[in-house]
Amino acid sequence: KETLRTEIVNTSLENAAILVVDSMDECITFSNEFAPEHLEIM
């Protein structure tokens, strides 16, 4: 709601996902299947 490019952001967020897993191994497995352009490890 606070960003300048609100319309673009809101449309893009329709493609977004927040996923919960049981283990870090699942995170890694999913990441390798997803093969992202950018990967952040936090």
PDB file of all heavy atoms in Angstrom:
ATOM      1  N   LYS A   1       0.831  -1.222   0.000  1.00  0.00           N
ATOM      2  CA  LYS A   1       0.000   0.000   0.000  1.00  0.00           C
ATOM      3  C   LYS A   1       0.856   1.259   0.000  1.00  0.00           C
ATOM      4  O   LYS A   1       0.398   2.331  -0.405  1.00  0.00           O
ATOM      5  CB  LYS A   1      -0.913   0.010   1.230  1.00  0.00           C
ATOM      6  CG  LYS A   1      -1.953  -1.096   1.254  1.00  0.00           C
ATOM      7  CD  LYS A   1      -2.734  -1.074   2.564  1.00  0.00           C
ATOM      8  CE  LYS A   1      -3.738  -2.220   2.634  1.00  0.00           C
ATOM      9  NZ  LYS A   1      -4.453  -2.257   3.931  1.00  0.00           N
ATOM     10  N   GLU A   2       2.096   1.135   0.437  1.00  0.00           N
ATOM     11  CA  GLU A   2       2.959   2.302   0.598  1.00  0.00           C
ATOM     12  C   GLU A   2       3.897   2.534  -0.584  1.00  0.00           C
ATOM     13  O   GLU A   2       4.480   3.609  -0.708  1.00  0.00           O
ATOM     14  CB  GLU A   2       3.796   2.131   1.875  1.00  0.00           C
ATOM     15  CG  GLU A   2       2.947   2.004   3.142  1.00  0.00           C
ATOM     16  CD  GLU A   2       3.761   1.546   4.344  1.00  0.00           C
ATOM     17  OE1 GLU A   2       4.937   1.164   4.143  1.00  0.00           O
ATOM     18  OE2 GLU A   2       3.222   1.556   5.464  1.00  0.00           O
ATOM     19  N   THR A   3       4.051   1.543  -1.434  1.00  0.00           N
ATOM     20  CA  THR A   3       4.996   1.664  -2.540  1.00  0.00           C
ATOM     21  C   THR A   3       4.474   2.597  -3.625  1.00  0.00           C
ATOM     22  O   THR A   3       3.266   2.772  -3.797  1.00  0.00           O
ATOM     23  CB  THR A   3       5.309   0.278  -3.140  1.00  0.00           C
ATOM     24  OG1 THR A   3       6.336   0.413  -4.123  1.00  0.00           O
ATOM     25  CG2 THR A   3       4.079  -0.333  -3.791  1.00  0.00           C
ATOM     26  N   LEU A   4       5.390   3.194  -4.386  1.00  0.00           N
ATOM     27  CA  LEU A   4       4.998   4.141  -5.434  1.00  0.00           C
ATOM     28  C   LEU A   4       4.341   3.439  -6.623  1.00  0.00           C
ATOM     29  O   LEU A   4       3.418   3.966  -7.219  1.00  0.00           O
ATOM     30  CB  LEU A   4       6.222   4.927  -5.919  1.00  0.00           C
ATOM     31  CG  LEU A   4       6.839   5.912  -4.908  1.00  0.00           C
ATOM     32  CD1 LEU A   4       8.101   6.548  -5.488  1.00  0.00           C
ATOM     33  CD2 LEU A   4       5.824   6.996  -4.549  1.00  0.00           C
ATOM     34  N   ARG A   5       4.833   2.251  -6.960  1.00  0.00           N
ATOM     35  CA  ARG A   5       4.306   1.531  -8.132  1.00  0.00           C
ATOM     36  C   ARG A   5       3.239   0.530  -7.690  1.00  0.00           C
ATOM     37  O   ARG A   5       3.306  -0.663  -7.991  1.00  0.00           O
ATOM     38  CB  ARG A   5       5.463   0.836  -8.864  1.00  0.00           C
ATOM     39  CG  ARG A   5       6.414   1.847  -9.530  1.00  0.00           C
ATOM     40  CD  ARG A   5       7.777   1.254  -9.827  1.00  0.00           C
ATOM     41  NE  ARG A   5       7.787   0.253 -10.862  1.00  0.00           N
ATOM     42  CZ  ARG A   5       7.941   0.511 -12.162  1.00  0.00           C
ATOM     43  NH1 ARG A   5       8.053   1.753 -12.592  1.00  0.00           N
ATOM     44  NH2 ARG A   5       7.960  -0.474 -13.039  1.00  0.00           N
ATOM     45  N   THR A   6       2.230   1.064  -6.984  1.00  0.00           N
ATOM     46  CA  THR A   6       1.224   0.213  -6.348  1.00  0.00           C
ATOM     47  C   THR A   6       0.508  -0.706  -7.323  1.00  0.00           C
ATOM     48  O   THR A   6       0.309  -1.897  -7.048  1.00  0.00           O
ATOM     49  CB  THR A   6       0.179   1.094  -5.620  1.00  0.00           C
ATOM     50  OG1 THR A   6       0.868   1.957  -4.715  1.00  0.00           O
ATOM     51  CG2 THR A   6      -0.797   0.233  -4.842  1.00  0.00           C
ATOM     52  N   GLU A   7       0.120  -0.176  -8.467  1.00  0.00           N
ATOM     53  CA  GLU A   7      -0.662  -0.984  -9.414  1.00  0.00           C
ATOM     54  C   GLU A   7       0.147  -2.173  -9.926  1.00  0.00           C
ATOM     55  O   GLU A   7      -0.341  -3.303  -9.969  1.00  0.00           O
ATOM     56  CB  GLU A   7      -1.116  -0.109 -10.587  1.00  0.00           C
ATOM     57  CG  GLU A   7      -2.071  -0.824 -11.525  1.00  0.00           C
ATOM     58  CD  GLU A   7      -2.586   0.085 -12.643  1.00  0.00           C
ATOM     59  OE1 GLU A   7      -2.469   1.317 -12.504  1.00  0.00           O
ATOM     60  OE2 GLU A   7      -3.087  -0.448 -13.644  1.00  0.00           O
ATOM     61  N   ILE A   8       1.392  -1.924 -10.288  1.00  0.00           N
ATOM     62  CA  ILE A   8       2.258  -3.002 -10.775  1.00  0.00           C
ATOM     63  C   ILE A   8       2.507  -4.018  -9.665  1.00  0.00           C
ATOM     64  O   ILE A   8       2.430  -5.234  -9.875  1.00  0.00           O
ATOM     65  CB  ILE A   8       3.594  -2.435 -11.299  1.00  0.00           C
ATOM     66  CG1 ILE A   8       3.351  -1.632 -12.578  1.00  0.00           C
ATOM     67  CG2 ILE A   8       4.600  -3.553 -11.556  1.00  0.00           C
ATOM     68  CD1 ILE A   8       4.575  -0.907 -13.083  1.00  0.00           C
ATOM     69  N   VAL A   9       2.795  -3.525  -8.466  1.00  0.00           N
ATOM     70  CA  VAL A   9       3.080  -4.411  -7.335  1.00  0.00           C
ATOM     71  C   VAL A   9       1.888  -5.302  -7.021  1.00  0.00           C
ATOM     72  O   VAL A   9       2.031  -6.525  -6.852  1.00  0.00           O
ATOM     73  CB  VAL A   9       3.485  -3.592  -6.091  1.00  0.00           C
ATOM     74  CG1 VAL A   9       3.456  -4.465  -4.838  1.00  0.00           C
ATOM     75  CG2 VAL A   9       4.866  -2.989  -6.280  1.00  0.00           C
ATOM     76  N   ASN A  10       0.706  -4.716  -6.958  1.00  0.00           N
ATOM     77  CA  ASN A  10      -0.486  -5.508  -6.622  1.00  0.00           C
ATOM     78  C   ASN A  10      -0.774  -6.570  -7.668  1.00  0.00           C
ATOM     79  O   ASN A  10      -1.194  -7.688  -7.341  1.00  0.00           O
ATOM     80  CB  ASN A  10      -1.692  -4.587  -6.448  1.00  0.00           C
ATOM     81  CG  ASN A  10      -1.644  -3.827  -5.131  1.00  0.00           C
ATOM     82  OD1 ASN A  10      -1.028  -4.289  -4.181  1.00  0.00           O
ATOM     83  ND2 ASN A  10      -2.278  -2.675  -5.070  1.00  0.00           N
ATOM     84  N   THR A  11      -0.561  -6.240  -8.930  1.00  0.00           N
ATOM     85  CA  THR A  11      -0.751  -7.230  -9.997  1.00  0.00           C
ATOM     86  C   THR A  11       0.289  -8.342  -9.872  1.00  0.00           C
ATOM     87  O   THR A  11      -0.038  -9.532  -9.978  1.00  0.00           O
ATOM     88  CB  THR A  11      -0.642  -6.576 -11.382  1.00  0.00           C
ATOM     89  OG1 THR A  11      -1.596  -5.519 -11.477  1.00  0.00           O
ATOM     90  CG2 THR A  11      -0.923  -7.589 -12.484  1.00  0.00           C
ATOM     91  N   SER A  12       1.531  -7.951  -9.623  1.00  0.00           N
ATOM     92  CA  SER A  12       2.609  -8.933  -9.490  1.00  0.00           C
ATOM     93  C   SER A  12       2.390  -9.858  -8.299  1.00  0.00           C
ATOM     94  O   SER A  12       2.698 -11.055  -8.364  1.00  0.00           O
ATOM     95  CB  SER A  12       3.951  -8.211  -9.344  1.00  0.00           C
ATOM     96  OG  SER A  12       4.986  -9.126  -9.066  1.00  0.00           O
ATOM     97  N   LEU A  13       1.853  -9.315  -7.206  1.00  0.00           N
ATOM     98  CA  LEU A  13       1.663 -10.129  -6.003  1.00  0.00           C
ATOM     99  C   LEU A  13       0.645 -11.248  -6.199  1.00  0.00           C
ATOM    100  O   LEU A  13       0.580 -12.177  -5.389  1.00  0.00           O
ATOM    101  CB  LEU A  13       1.258  -9.247  -4.821  1.00  0.00           C
ATOM    102  CG  LEU A  13       2.376  -8.361  -4.246  1.00  0.00           C
ATOM    103  CD1 LEU A  13       1.852  -7.485  -3.124  1.00  0.00           C
ATOM    104  CD2 LEU A  13       3.555  -9.207  -3.760  1.00  0.00           C
ATOM    105  N   GLU A  14      -0.119 -11.182  -7.276  1.00  0.00           N
ATOM    106  CA  GLU A  14      -1.007 -12.304  -7.609  1.00  0.00           C
ATOM    107  C   GLU A  14      -0.192 -13.543  -7.964  1.00  0.00           C
ATOM    108  O   GLU A  14      -0.685 -14.666  -7.904  1.00  0.00           O
ATOM    109  CB  GLU A  14      -1.930 -11.918  -8.767  1.00  0.00           C
ATOM    110  CG  GLU A  14      -2.930 -10.815  -8.411  1.00  0.00           C
ATOM    111  CD  GLU A  14      -3.768 -10.382  -9.605  1.00  0.00           C
ATOM    112  OE1 GLU A  14      -3.737 -11.090 -10.641  1.00  0.00           O
ATOM    113  OE2 GLU A  14      -4.446  -9.340  -9.511  1.00  0.00           O
ATOM    114  N   ASN A  15       1.081 -13.332  -8.355  1.00  0.00           N
ATOM    115  CA  ASN A  15       1.981 -14.447  -8.672  1.00  0.00           C
ATOM    116  C   ASN A  15       2.809 -14.873  -7.470  1.00  0.00           C
ATOM    117  O   ASN A  15       3.583 -15.825  -7.549  1.00  0.00           O
ATOM    118  CB  ASN A  15       2.957 -14.036  -9.790  1.00  0.00           C
ATOM    119  CG  ASN A  15       2.262 -13.469 -11.003  1.00  0.00           C
ATOM    120  OD1 ASN A  15       1.254 -14.006 -11.445  1.00  0.00           O
ATOM    121  ND2 ASN A  15       2.774 -12.365 -11.541  1.00  0.00           N
ATOM    122  N   ALA A  16       2.700 -14.133  -6.347  1.00  0.00           N
ATOM    123  CA  ALA A  16       3.558 -14.369  -5.187  1.00  0.00           C
ATOM    124  C   ALA A  16       3.070 -15.552  -4.351  1.00  0.00           C
ATOM    125  O   ALA A  16       1.912 -15.956  -4.439  1.00  0.00           O
ATOM    126  CB  ALA A  16       3.624 -13.110  -4.328  1.00  0.00           C
ATOM    127  N   ALA A  17       3.980 -16.065  -3.529  1.00  0.00           N
ATOM    128  CA  ALA A  17       3.619 -17.189  -2.661  1.00  0.00           C
ATOM    129  C   ALA A  17       4.427 -17.149  -1.378  1.00  0.00           C
ATOM    130  O   ALA A  17       5.616 -16.800  -1.376  1.00  0.00           O
ATOM    131  CB  ALA A  17       3.849 -18.514  -3.377  1.00  0.00           C
ATOM    132  N   ILE A  18       3.760 -17.487  -0.282  1.00  0.00           N
ATOM    133  CA  ILE A  18       4.416 -17.690   1.013  1.00  0.00           C
ATOM    134  C   ILE A  18       4.164 -19.146   1.384  1.00  0.00           C
ATOM    135  O   ILE A  18       3.017 -19.564   1.566  1.00  0.00           O
ATOM    136  CB  ILE A  18       3.839 -16.744   2.082  1.00  0.00           C
ATOM    137  CG1 ILE A  18       4.088 -15.280   1.692  1.00  0.00           C
ATOM    138  CG2 ILE A  18       4.452 -17.046   3.450  1.00  0.00           C
ATOM    139  CD1 ILE A  18       3.420 -14.276   2.608  1.00  0.00           C
ATOM    140  N   LEU A  19       5.236 -19.920   1.444  1.00  0.00           N
ATOM    141  CA  LEU A  19       5.110 -21.366   1.640  1.00  0.00           C
ATOM    142  C   LEU A  19       5.789 -21.791   2.937  1.00  0.00           C
ATOM    143  O   LEU A  19       6.922 -21.368   3.223  1.00  0.00           O
ATOM    144  CB  LEU A  19       5.742 -22.106   0.456  1.00  0.00           C
ATOM    145  CG  LEU A  19       5.215 -21.716  -0.935  1.00  0.00           C
ATOM    146  CD1 LEU A  19       6.045 -22.392  -2.020  1.00  0.00           C
ATOM    147  CD2 LEU A  19       3.746 -22.085  -1.073  1.00  0.00           C
ATOM    148  N   VAL A  20       5.120 -22.635   3.696  1.00  0.00           N
ATOM    149  CA  VAL A  20       5.655 -23.131   4.972  1.00  0.00           C
ATOM    150  C   VAL A  20       6.015 -24.606   4.819  1.00  0.00           C
ATOM    151  O   VAL A  20       5.231 -25.391   4.256  1.00  0.00           O
ATOM    152  CB  VAL A  20       4.638 -22.945   6.109  1.00  0.00           C
ATOM    153  CG1 VAL A  20       5.205 -23.456   7.432  1.00  0.00           C
ATOM    154  CG2 VAL A  20       4.240 -21.470   6.240  1.00  0.00           C
ATOM    155  N   VAL A  21       7.199 -24.967   5.312  1.00  0.00           N
ATOM    156  CA  VAL A  21       7.655 -26.359   5.221  1.00  0.00           C
ATOM    157  C   VAL A  21       8.072 -26.847   6.598  1.00  0.00           C
ATOM    158  O   VAL A  21       8.205 -26.064   7.543  1.00  0.00           O
ATOM    159  CB  VAL A  21       8.839 -26.493   4.236  1.00  0.00           C
ATOM    160  CG1 VAL A  21       8.429 -26.111   2.841  1.00  0.00           C
ATOM    161  CG2 VAL A  21      10.020 -25.652   4.707  1.00  0.00           C
ATOM    162  N   ASP A  22       8.320 -28.138   6.704  1.00  0.00           N
ATOM    163  CA  ASP A  22       8.666 -28.728   7.993  1.00  0.00           C
ATOM    164  C   ASP A  22      10.166 -28.735   8.275  1.00  0.00           C
ATOM    165  O   ASP A  22      10.581 -28.845   9.427  1.00  0.00           O
ATOM    166  CB  ASP A  22       8.141 -30.168   8.069  1.00  0.00           C
ATOM    167  CG  ASP A  22       6.613 -30.212   8.057  1.00  0.00           C
ATOM    168  OD1 ASP A  22       5.996 -29.301   8.641  1.00  0.00           O
ATOM    169  OD2 ASP A  22       6.058 -31.151   7.458  1.00  0.00           O
ATOM    170  N   SER A  23      10.980 -28.631   7.223  1.00  0.00           N
ATOM    171  CA  SER A  23      12.429 -28.719   7.445  1.00  0.00           C
ATOM    172  C   SER A  23      13.185 -27.882   6.421  1.00  0.00           C
ATOM    173  O   SER A  23      12.669 -27.558   5.341  1.00  0.00           O
ATOM    174  CB  SER A  23      12.900 -30.172   7.334  1.00  0.00           C
ATOM    175  OG  SER A  23      12.818 -30.613   5.992  1.00  0.00           O
ATOM    176  N   MET A  24      14.446 -27.569   6.770  1.00  0.00           N
ATOM    177  CA  MET A  24      15.292 -26.816   5.849  1.00  0.00           C
ATOM    178  C   MET A  24      15.620 -27.637   4.603  1.00  0.00           C
ATOM    179  O   MET A  24      15.790 -27.094   3.515  1.00  0.00           O
ATOM    180  CB  MET A  24      16.573 -26.373   6.564  1.00  0.00           C
ATOM    181  CG  MET A  24      17.379 -25.322   5.814  1.00  0.00           C
ATOM    182  SD  MET A  24      16.410 -23.862   5.303  1.00  0.00           S
ATOM    183  CE  MET A  24      15.883 -23.223   6.899  1.00  0.00           C
ATOM    184  N   ASP A  25      15.692 -28.950   4.752  1.00  0.00           N
ATOM    185  CA  ASP A  25      15.924 -29.802   3.582  1.00  0.00           C
ATOM    186  C   ASP A  25      14.816 -29.629   2.552  1.00  0.00           C
ATOM    187  O   ASP A  25      15.065 -29.639   1.338  1.00  0.00           O
ATOM    188  CB  ASP A  25      16.019 -31.278   3.990  1.00  0.00           C
ATOM    189  CG  ASP A  25      17.353 -31.612   4.636  1.00  0.00           C
ATOM    190  OD1 ASP A  25      18.298 -30.800   4.483  1.00  0.00           O
ATOM    191  OD2 ASP A  25      17.453 -32.661   5.291  1.00  0.00           O
ATOM    192  N   GLU A  26      13.572 -29.453   3.020  1.00  0.00           N
ATOM    193  CA  GLU A  26      12.454 -29.223   2.103  1.00  0.00           C
ATOM    194  C   GLU A  26      12.603 -27.886   1.386  1.00  0.00           C
ATOM    195  O   GLU A  26      12.274 -27.760   0.202  1.00  0.00           O
ATOM    196  CB  GLU A  26      11.123 -29.249   2.859  1.00  0.00           C
ATOM    197  CG  GLU A  26      10.632 -30.625   3.261  1.00  0.00           C
ATOM    198  CD  GLU A  26       9.258 -30.543   3.914  1.00  0.00           C
ATOM    199  OE1 GLU A  26       8.259 -30.445   3.185  1.00  0.00           O
ATOM    200  OE2 GLU A  26       9.206 -30.572   5.158  1.00  0.00           O
ATOM    201  N   CYS A  27      13.091 -26.890   2.108  1.00  0.00           N
ATOM    202  CA  CYS A  27      13.344 -25.579   1.496  1.00  0.00           C
ATOM    203  C   CYS A  27      14.337 -25.717   0.345  1.00  0.00           C
ATOM    204  O   CYS A  27      14.129 -25.196  -0.756  1.00  0.00           O
ATOM    205  CB  CYS A  27      13.924 -24.600   2.522  1.00  0.00           C
ATOM    206  SG  CYS A  27      12.788 -23.998   3.760  1.00  0.00           S
ATOM    207  N   ILE A  28      15.425 -26.435   0.613  1.00  0.00           N
ATOM    208  CA  ILE A  28      16.479 -26.603  -0.390  1.00  0.00           C
ATOM    209  C   ILE A  28      15.965 -27.390  -1.588  1.00  0.00           C
ATOM    210  O   ILE A  28      16.215 -27.034  -2.747  1.00  0.00           O
ATOM    211  CB  ILE A  28      17.701 -27.298   0.244  1.00  0.00           C
ATOM    212  CG1 ILE A  28      18.326 -26.390   1.309  1.00  0.00           C
ATOM    213  CG2 ILE A  28      18.724 -27.677  -0.820  1.00  0.00           C
ATOM    214  CD1 ILE A  28      19.367 -27.066   2.167  1.00  0.00           C
ATOM    215  N   THR A  29      15.222 -28.470  -1.327  1.00  0.00           N
ATOM    216  CA  THR A  29      14.668 -29.284  -2.410  1.00  0.00           C
ATOM    217  C   THR A  29      13.735 -28.469  -3.291  1.00  0.00           C
ATOM    218  O   THR A  29      13.804 -28.533  -4.528  1.00  0.00           O
ATOM    219  CB  THR A  29      13.909 -30.499  -1.839  1.00  0.00           C
ATOM    220  OG1 THR A  29      14.825 -31.306  -1.094  1.00  0.00           O
ATOM    221  CG2 THR A  29      13.290 -31.331  -2.951  1.00  0.00           C
ATOM    222  N   PHE A  30      12.859 -27.685  -2.651  1.00  0.00           N
ATOM    223  CA  PHE A  30      11.939 -26.852  -3.427  1.00  0.00           C
ATOM    224  C   PHE A  30      12.697 -25.800  -4.232  1.00  0.00           C
ATOM    225  O   PHE A  30      12.384 -25.548  -5.398  1.00  0.00           O
ATOM    226  CB  PHE A  30      10.920 -26.173  -2.525  1.00  0.00           C
ATOM    227  CG  PHE A  30       9.966 -25.281  -3.287  1.00  0.00           C
ATOM    228  CD1 PHE A  30       8.920 -25.829  -4.014  1.00  0.00           C
ATOM    229  CD2 PHE A  30      10.144 -23.906  -3.305  1.00  0.00           C
ATOM    230  CE1 PHE A  30       8.054 -25.014  -4.753  1.00  0.00           C
ATOM    231  CE2 PHE A  30       9.290 -23.079  -4.039  1.00  0.00           C
ATOM    232  CZ  PHE A  30       8.246 -23.643  -4.755  1.00  0.00           C
ATOM    233  N   SER A  31      13.700 -25.177  -3.625  1.00  0.00           N
ATOM    234  CA  SER A  31      14.487 -24.167  -4.328  1.00  0.00           C
ATOM    235  C   SER A  31      15.140 -24.745  -5.570  1.00  0.00           C
ATOM    236  O   SER A  31      15.135 -24.133  -6.647  1.00  0.00           O
ATOM    237  CB  SER A  31      15.554 -23.591  -3.395  1.00  0.00           C
ATOM    238  OG  SER A  31      16.366 -22.656  -4.078  1.00  0.00           O
ATOM    239  N   ASN A  32      15.708 -25.942  -5.450  1.00  0.00           N
ATOM    240  CA  ASN A  32      16.357 -26.562  -6.606  1.00  0.00           C
ATOM    241  C   ASN A  32      15.354 -26.933  -7.687  1.00  0.00           C
ATOM    242  O   ASN A  32      15.670 -26.911  -8.881  1.00  0.00           O
ATOM    243  CB  ASN A  32      17.151 -27.790  -6.163  1.00  0.00           C
ATOM    244  CG  ASN A  32      18.446 -27.417  -5.471  1.00  0.00           C
ATOM    245  OD1 ASN A  32      19.040 -26.387  -5.768  1.00  0.00           O
ATOM    246  ND2 ASN A  32      18.890 -28.246  -4.535  1.00  0.00           N
ATOM    247  N   GLU A  33      14.150 -27.267  -7.286  1.00  0.00           N
ATOM    248  CA  GLU A  33      13.105 -27.552  -8.270  1.00  0.00           C
ATOM    249  C   GLU A  33      12.635 -26.258  -8.935  1.00  0.00           C
ATOM    250  O   GLU A  33      12.387 -26.217 -10.134  1.00  0.00           O
ATOM    251  CB  GLU A  33      11.924 -28.245  -7.590  1.00  0.00           C
ATOM    252  CG  GLU A  33      10.854 -28.735  -8.563  1.00  0.00           C
ATOM    253  CD  GLU A  33       9.698 -29.431  -7.868  1.00  0.00           C
ATOM    254  OE1 GLU A  33       9.672 -29.492  -6.623  1.00  0.00           O
ATOM    255  OE2 GLU A  33       8.807 -29.924  -8.593  1.00  0.00           O
ATOM    256  N   PHE A  34      12.547 -25.197  -8.146  1.00  0.00           N
ATOM    257  CA  PHE A  34      12.101 -23.887  -8.649  1.00  0.00           C
ATOM    258  C   PHE A  34      13.159 -23.247  -9.552  1.00  0.00           C
ATOM    259  O   PHE A  34      12.838 -22.591 -10.531  1.00  0.00           O
ATOM    260  CB  PHE A  34      11.811 -22.980  -7.449  1.00  0.00           C
ATOM    261  CG  PHE A  34      11.117 -21.699  -7.778  1.00  0.00           C
ATOM    262  CD1 PHE A  34       9.732 -21.630  -7.880  1.00  0.00           C
ATOM    263  CD2 PHE A  34      11.841 -20.529  -7.968  1.00  0.00           C
ATOM    264  CE1 PHE A  34       9.082 -20.441  -8.171  1.00  0.00           C
ATOM    265  CE2 PHE A  34      11.213 -19.322  -8.254  1.00  0.00           C
ATOM    266  CZ  PHE A  34       9.828 -19.285  -8.353  1.00  0.00           C
ATOM    267  N   ALA A  35      14.444 -23.445  -9.215  1.00  0.00           N
ATOM    268  CA  ALA A  35      15.576 -22.883  -9.970  1.00  0.00           C
ATOM    269  C   ALA A  35      15.403 -21.384 -10.197  1.00  0.00           C
ATOM    270  O   ALA A  35      15.231 -20.924 -11.317  1.00  0.00           O
ATOM    271  CB  ALA A  35      15.741 -23.617 -11.302  1.00  0.00           C
ATOM    272  N   PRO A  36      15.475 -20.602  -9.121  1.00  0.00           N
ATOM    273  CA  PRO A  36      15.165 -19.174  -9.226  1.00  0.00           C
ATOM    274  C   PRO A  36      16.233 -18.350  -9.925  1.00  0.00           C
ATOM    275  O   PRO A  36      17.415 -18.691  -9.918  1.00  0.00           O
ATOM    276  CB  PRO A  36      15.054 -18.752  -7.762  1.00  0.00           C
ATOM    277  CG  PRO A  36      16.002 -19.662  -7.054  1.00  0.00           C
ATOM    278  CD  PRO A  36      15.863 -20.984  -7.758  1.00  0.00           C
ATOM    279  N   GLU A  37      15.786 -17.257 -10.488  1.00  0.00           N
ATOM    280  CA  GLU A  37      16.708 -16.254 -11.025  1.00  0.00           C
ATOM    281  C   GLU A  37      17.552 -15.677  -9.883  1.00  0.00           C
ATOM    282  O   GLU A  37      18.772 -15.668  -9.934  1.00  0.00           O
ATOM    283  CB  GLU A  37      15.911 -15.138 -11.705  1.00  0.00           C
ATOM    284  CG  GLU A  37      16.777 -13.986 -12.190  1.00  0.00           C
ATOM    285  CD  GLU A  37      15.965 -12.771 -12.589  1.00  0.00           C
ATOM    286  OE1 GLU A  37      14.806 -12.647 -12.166  1.00  0.00           O
ATOM    287  OE2 GLU A  37      16.510 -11.928 -13.312  1.00  0.00           O
ATOM    288  N   HIS A  38      16.867 -15.163  -8.852  1.00  0.00           N
ATOM    289  CA  HIS A  38      17.530 -14.659  -7.650  1.00  0.00           C
ATOM    290  C   HIS A  38      17.155 -15.562  -6.474  1.00  0.00           C
ATOM    291  O   HIS A  38      15.975 -15.852  -6.279  1.00  0.00           O
ATOM    292  CB  HIS A  38      17.071 -13.241  -7.313  1.00  0.00           C
ATOM    293  CG  HIS A  38      17.260 -12.245  -8.408  1.00  0.00           C
ATOM    294  ND1 HIS A  38      16.219 -11.791  -9.209  1.00  0.00           N
ATOM    295  CD2 HIS A  38      18.372 -11.607  -8.843  1.00  0.00           C
ATOM    296  CE1 HIS A  38      16.681 -10.910 -10.075  1.00  0.00           C
ATOM    297  NE2 HIS A  38      17.986 -10.780  -9.879  1.00  0.00           N
ATOM    298  N   LEU A  39      18.151 -15.942  -5.701  1.00  0.00           N
ATOM    299  CA  LEU A  39      17.892 -16.723  -4.490  1.00  0.00           C
ATOM    300  C   LEU A  39      18.484 -15.988  -3.298  1.00  0.00           C
ATOM    301  O   LEU A  39      19.683 -15.675  -3.279  1.00  0.00           O
ATOM    302  CB  LEU A  39      18.527 -18.116  -4.597  1.00  0.00           C
ATOM    303  CG  LEU A  39      18.494 -18.960  -3.314  1.00  0.00           C
ATOM    304  CD1 LEU A  39      17.053 -19.270  -2.902  1.00  0.00           C
ATOM    305  CD2 LEU A  39      19.294 -20.238  -3.478  1.00  0.00           C
ATOM    306  N   GLU A  40      17.640 -15.683  -2.311  1.00  0.00           N
ATOM    307  CA  GLU A  40      18.114 -15.097  -1.063  1.00  0.00           C
ATOM    308  C   GLU A  40      18.103 -16.171   0.027  1.00  0.00           C
ATOM    309  O   GLU A  40      17.106 -16.890   0.179  1.00  0.00           O
ATOM    310  CB  GLU A  40      17.233 -13.927  -0.632  1.00  0.00           C
ATOM    311  CG  GLU A  40      17.370 -12.714  -1.527  1.00  0.00           C
ATOM    312  CD  GLU A  40      16.664 -11.484  -0.981  1.00  0.00           C
ATOM    313  OE1 GLU A  40      16.073 -11.575   0.123  1.00  0.00           O
ATOM    314  OE2 GLU A  40      16.704 -10.443  -1.640  1.00  0.00           O
ATOM    315  N   ILE A  41      19.208 -16.272   0.767  1.00  0.00           N
ATOM    316  CA  ILE A  41      19.310 -17.220   1.877  1.00  0.00           C
ATOM    317  C   ILE A  41      19.361 -16.413   3.169  1.00  0.00           C
ATOM    318  O   ILE A  41      20.364 -15.753   3.467  1.00  0.00           O
ATOM    319  CB  ILE A  41      20.565 -18.101   1.728  1.00  0.00           C
ATOM    320  CG1 ILE A  41      20.490 -18.916   0.423  1.00  0.00           C
ATOM    321  CG2 ILE A  41      20.716 -19.025   2.926  1.00  0.00           C
ATOM    322  CD1 ILE A  41      21.742 -19.705   0.111  1.00  0.00           C
ATOM    323  N   MET A  42      18.264 -16.442   3.910  1.00  0.00           N
ATOM    324  CA  MET A  42      18.157 -15.658   5.144  1.00  0.00           C
ATOM    325  C   MET A  42      17.893 -16.613   6.307  1.00  0.00           C
ATOM    326  O   MET A  42      16.777 -16.733   6.810  1.00  0.00           O
ATOM    327  CB  MET A  42      17.049 -14.605   5.003  1.00  0.00           C
ATOM    328  CG  MET A  42      17.292 -13.663   3.824  1.00  0.00           C
ATOM    329  SD  MET A  42      15.915 -12.554   3.444  1.00  0.00           S
ATOM    330  CE  MET A  42      16.143 -11.304   4.712  1.00  0.00           C
TER     331      MET A  42
END
